[in-house]
C-alpha atoms as a PDB file:
ATOM      1  CA  MET A   1       9.513   5.251   7.370  1.00  0.00           C
ATOM      2  CA  PHE A   2      10.137   8.976   6.902  1.00  0.00           C
ATOM      3  CA  ALA A   3      12.420   8.978   9.942  1.00  0.00           C
ATOM      4  CA  LEU A   4      14.418   6.144   8.386  1.00  0.00           C
ATOM      5  CA  GLU A   5      14.907   8.184   5.239  1.00  0.00           C
ATOM      6  CA  ILE A   6      16.369  11.037   7.276  1.00  0.00           C
ATOM      7  CA  LEU A   7      18.840   8.674   8.936  1.00  0.00           C
ATOM      8  CA  HIS A   8      19.778   7.220   5.567  1.00  0.00           C
ATOM      9  CA  TYR A   9      20.236  10.683   4.062  1.00  0.00           C
ATOM     10  CA  GLN A  10      22.516  11.820   6.865  1.00  0.00           C
ATOM     11  CA  HIS A  11      24.543   8.559   6.806  1.00  0.00           C
ATOM     12  CA  ILE A  12      24.122   8.166  10.570  1.00  0.00           C
ATOM     13  CA  VAL A  13      23.529   4.419  10.435  1.00  0.00           C
ATOM     14  CA  GLU A  14      23.410   1.802   7.762  1.00  0.00           C
ATOM     15  CA  TYR A  15      19.944   1.676   6.247  1.00  0.00           C
ATOM     16  CA  TYR A  16      19.256  -2.008   6.959  1.00  0.00           C
ATOM     17  CA  GLU A  17      20.065  -1.549  10.636  1.00  0.00           C
ATOM     18  CA  ALA A  18      17.149   0.858  10.958  1.00  0.00           C
ATOM     19  CA  LEU A  19      14.826  -0.819   8.451  1.00  0.00           C
ATOM     20  CA  MET A  20      14.607  -4.267  10.034  1.00  0.00           C
ATOM     21  CA  PRO A  21      13.364  -3.085  13.473  1.00  0.00           C
ATOM     22  CA  ALA A  22      10.801  -0.867  11.727  1.00  0.00           C
ATOM     23  CA  ILE A  23       9.448  -3.806   9.720  1.00  0.00           C
ATOM     24  CA  VAL A  24       9.308  -6.079  12.764  1.00  0.00           C
ATOM     25  CA  SER A  25       7.554  -3.457  14.888  1.00  0.00           C
ATOM     26  CA  SER A  26       4.999  -2.643  12.185  1.00  0.00           C
ATOM     27  CA  CYS A  27       4.157  -6.338  11.758  1.00  0.00           C
ATOM     28  CA  ALA A  28       3.834  -6.777  15.511  1.00  0.00           C
ATOM     29  CA  SER A  29       1.593  -3.724  15.833  1.00  0.00           C
ATOM     30  CA  TYR A  30      -0.694  -5.011  13.063  1.00  0.00           C
ATOM     31  CA  VAL A  31      -0.995  -8.403  14.761  1.00  0.00           C
ATOM     32  CA  VAL A  32      -1.950  -6.681  18.028  1.00  0.00           C
ATOM     33  CA  PHE A  33      -4.494  -4.503  16.182  1.00  0.00           C
ATOM     34  CA  ALA A  34      -6.002  -7.534  14.452  1.00  0.00           C
ATOM     35  CA  ALA A  35      -6.203  -9.421  17.763  1.00  0.00           C
ATOM     36  CA  ILE A  36      -7.881  -6.548  19.621  1.00  0.00           C
ATOM     37  CA  THR A  37     -10.433  -5.736  16.915  1.00  0.00           C
ATOM     38  CA  HIS A  38     -11.074  -9.393  15.966  1.00  0.00           C
ATOM     39  CA  LEU A  39     -10.777  -8.466  12.291  1.00  0.00           C
ATOM     40  CA  GLY A  40      -8.215 -11.109  11.511  1.00  0.00           C
ATOM     41  CA  ILE A  41      -5.835 -10.822   8.630  1.00  0.00           C
ATOM     42  CA  ALA A  42      -8.088  -9.967   5.708  1.00  0.00           C
ATOM     43  CA  PRO A  43      -8.899  -7.021   3.480  1.00  0.00           C
ATOM     44  CA  ILE A  44     -10.499  -4.084   5.292  1.00  0.00           C
ATOM     45  CA  TRP A  45     -12.673  -2.948   2.379  1.00  0.00           C
ATOM     46  CA  HIS A  46     -14.869  -5.173   0.271  1.00  0.00           C
ATOM     47  CA  PHE A  47     -15.683  -3.894  -3.209  1.00  0.00           C
ATOM     48  CA  PRO A  48     -18.444  -5.403  -5.301  1.00  0.00           C
ATOM     49  CA  GLN A  49     -17.548  -7.203  -8.501  1.00  0.00           C
ATOM     50  CA  TYR A  50     -17.732  -4.872 -11.494  1.00  0.00           C
ATOM     51  CA  HIS A  51     -19.871  -6.058 -14.361  1.00  0.00           C
ATOM     52  CA  LEU A  52     -19.171  -4.743 -17.845  1.00  0.00           C
ATOM     53  CA  GLU A  53     -22.402  -3.236 -19.162  1.00  0.00           C
ATOM     54  CA  ASN A  54     -21.236  -2.661 -22.730  1.00  0.00           C
ATOM     55  CA  ILE A  55     -18.070  -2.302 -24.790  1.00  0.00           C
ATOM     56  CA  HIS A  56     -18.060   1.476 -24.358  1.00  0.00           C
ATOM     57  CA  ASP A  57     -17.095   1.054 -20.683  1.00  0.00           C
ATOM     58  CA  PHE A  58     -13.967  -0.806 -21.784  1.00  0.00           C
ATOM     59  CA  ALA A  59     -13.109   1.878 -24.345  1.00  0.00           C
ATOM     60  CA  ILE A  60     -13.480   4.625 -21.743  1.00  0.00           C
ATOM     61  CA  ALA A  61     -11.219   2.690 -19.349  1.00  0.00           C
ATOM     62  CA  ILE A  62      -8.559   2.392 -22.048  1.00  0.00           C
ATOM     63  CA  MET A  63      -8.862   6.121 -22.774  1.00  0.00           C
ATOM     64  CA  PHE A  64      -8.390   6.963 -19.063  1.00  0.00           C
ATOM     65  CA  GLY A  65      -5.381   4.620 -18.962  1.00  0.00           C
ATOM     66  CA  ILE A  66      -3.759   6.402 -21.895  1.00  0.00           C
ATOM     67  CA  ILE A  67      -4.426   9.806 -20.323  1.00  0.00           C
ATOM     68  CA  GLY A  68      -2.981   8.614 -17.008  1.00  0.00           C
ATOM     69  CA  ALA A  69       0.111   7.180 -18.692  1.00  0.00           C
ATOM     70  CA  GLY A  70       0.640  10.444 -20.543  1.00  0.00           C
ATOM     71  CA  ALA A  71       0.239  12.501 -17.372  1.00  0.00           C
ATOM     72  CA  GLY A  72       2.398  10.205 -15.242  1.00  0.00           C
END
C-alpha cells in the first residue's frame, strides 16, 4: 500500500488503477495462505471473555478513555 501512495503522490497513474489490483492480489494471497495452513477464514487470535469484577474496573476504563482522547 505504501508503493501505491508514492504513485498517487507523483500523479503517475490514477489511484484506482493501482488500488484495485492490490486489493485483488491481497485477497488472493490470503485465500492461498488459508488453504495451505488449513486455518480457514476466521480470527487468528482468541481472547477470553472479560468479566467485570467490580464497578471500579469500569471507572478505570473510562478514565483511560478520557486520557486517550485527550492525548489523541
